[in-house]
Every structure is written in C-alpha cells, then in structure tokens.
C-alpha cells in the first residue's frame, strides 16, 4: 500500500465516520419525538443511538444552545461534525 492509497483510505474513513455520526444524530432527533408506551425504558435502538451520540451531545450542551424552548444542540453538533470532517479530509489530502 503506497502513500496515496493510504491517504484515500483515511479520507474515506473520515467521511464514512462523519456520515455515520450525522445519521445517528438525525435518528436521535426523530426518536426523541416519540414517547415510549407506558413510560417504560427506551428500546434497544434508542439506547444504541444515545450511547453513540452522547459524547458529542454532552460536549455541545456545555455551550449556550437554547432559544426559548428550542434546543439547537443537534444542529450545532451537525455543523461541527461537517466542519471537522472537511478539515480532517483537507489535512489528510495535504500530507
């Protein structure tokens, strides 16, 4: 494996990871709209999505992220993931 193939692999890996985190945040937002019947514990899918996105969301929630009743933390997280992914891909391409 030469250096160009390694760069392509790393850039693709960063893009896929960024896309997976983006999809997970979208799914987390959509799942938050639904109430579990009987107030029971959340399902397995919700637990998996929450455990995957909690580190990012907890980091964002330390910042001011509300406008009235609207929680902007998912939007801030999506913008941050997009910027970080683009920065890392450009950094990998420049090496």
Protein backbone atom coordinates (compact mmCIF):
# COMPACT_ATOMS: atom_id res chain seq x y z
CA UNK A 1 0.00 0.00 0.00
CA UNK A 2 1.57 3.27 -1.07
CA UNK A 3 1.06 6.71 0.49
CA UNK A 4 -1.64 7.77 -2.00
CA UNK A 5 -3.76 4.71 -1.27
CA UNK A 6 -3.32 5.33 2.46
CA UNK A 7 -4.47 8.95 2.06
CA UNK A 8 -7.52 7.84 0.08
CA UNK A 9 -8.35 5.19 2.69
CA UNK A 10 -8.02 7.66 5.58
CA UNK A 11 -10.08 10.33 3.79
CA UNK A 12 -12.82 7.80 3.02
CA UNK A 13 -12.75 6.52 6.61
CA UNK A 14 -13.17 10.06 7.99
CA UNK A 15 -16.04 10.72 5.56
CA UNK A 16 -17.84 7.49 6.47
CA UNK A 17 -17.41 8.14 10.20
CA UNK A 18 -18.75 11.69 9.78
CA UNK A 19 -21.73 10.39 7.80
CA UNK A 20 -22.49 7.72 10.42
CA UNK A 21 -22.44 10.31 13.21
CA UNK A 22 -24.66 12.62 11.16
CA UNK A 23 -27.20 9.85 10.54
CA UNK A 24 -27.09 8.85 14.22
CA UNK A 25 -27.88 12.41 15.31
CA UNK A 26 -30.77 12.61 12.83
CA UNK A 27 -32.14 9.30 14.13
CA UNK A 28 -31.73 10.52 17.73
CA UNK A 29 -33.74 13.65 16.97
CA UNK A 30 -36.51 11.68 15.25
CA UNK A 31 -36.66 9.11 18.07
CA UNK A 32 -36.92 11.91 20.62
CA UNK A 33 -40.26 12.91 19.11
CA UNK A 34 -41.88 9.63 20.11
CA UNK A 35 -42.92 8.63 23.62
CA UNK A 36 -42.37 5.09 24.83
CA UNK A 37 -45.71 3.45 25.64
CA UNK A 38 -46.37 3.27 29.38
CA UNK A 39 -43.31 5.37 30.19
CA UNK A 40 -41.12 2.28 30.13
CA UNK A 41 -37.43 2.19 29.37
CA UNK A 42 -36.30 3.15 25.87
CA UNK A 43 -35.81 0.43 23.29
CA UNK A 44 -32.51 -1.08 22.17
CA UNK A 45 -32.24 1.17 19.10
CA UNK A 46 -32.67 4.27 21.23
CA UNK A 47 -30.06 3.05 23.70
CA UNK A 48 -27.55 2.34 20.92
CA UNK A 49 -28.11 5.70 19.21
CA UNK A 50 -27.91 7.58 22.52
CA UNK A 51 -24.71 5.82 23.56
CA UNK A 52 -23.13 6.64 20.18
CA UNK A 53 -24.12 10.31 20.21
CA UNK A 54 -23.98 11.15 23.94
CA UNK A 55 -20.29 12.17 23.94
CA UNK A 56 -20.91 14.73 21.20
CA UNK A 57 -24.22 15.96 22.56
CA UNK A 58 -22.89 16.30 26.13
CA UNK A 59 -19.99 18.38 24.81
CA UNK A 60 -22.39 20.66 22.90
CA UNK A 61 -24.76 21.01 25.87
CA UNK A 62 -21.99 22.78 27.81
CA UNK A 63 -22.41 25.70 25.39
CA UNK A 64 -25.44 28.02 25.30
CA UNK A 65 -27.68 26.08 22.93
CA UNK A 66 -31.29 27.07 23.52
CA UNK A 67 -33.50 29.74 22.05
CA UNK A 68 -36.60 29.73 24.22
CA UNK A 69 -37.94 26.16 24.08
CA UNK A 70 -35.91 25.21 21.00
CA UNK A 71 -32.84 23.06 21.63
CA UNK A 72 -30.22 23.79 18.97
CA UNK A 73 -27.63 21.27 20.19
CA UNK A 74 -28.29 18.74 17.36
CA UNK A 75 -27.89 21.49 14.77
CA UNK A 76 -24.66 22.70 16.39
CA UNK A 77 -23.39 19.11 16.50
CA UNK A 78 -24.19 18.56 12.81
CA UNK A 79 -22.39 21.74 11.79
CA UNK A 80 -19.42 20.82 13.97
CA UNK A 81 -19.20 17.31 12.53
CA UNK A 82 -19.37 18.70 9.00
CA UNK A 83 -16.63 21.26 9.65
CA UNK A 84 -14.40 18.77 11.45
CA UNK A 85 -14.83 16.17 8.69
CA UNK A 86 -13.98 18.71 5.99
CA UNK A 87 -10.96 19.94 7.95
CA UNK A 88 -9.62 16.43 8.53
CA UNK A 89 -10.06 15.43 4.88
CA UNK A 90 -8.22 18.57 3.76
CA UNK A 91 -5.49 17.88 6.29
CA UNK A 92 -5.10 14.30 5.08
CA UNK A 93 -5.00 15.45 1.45
CA UNK A 94 -2.29 17.99 2.27
CA UNK A 95 0.03 15.49 3.98
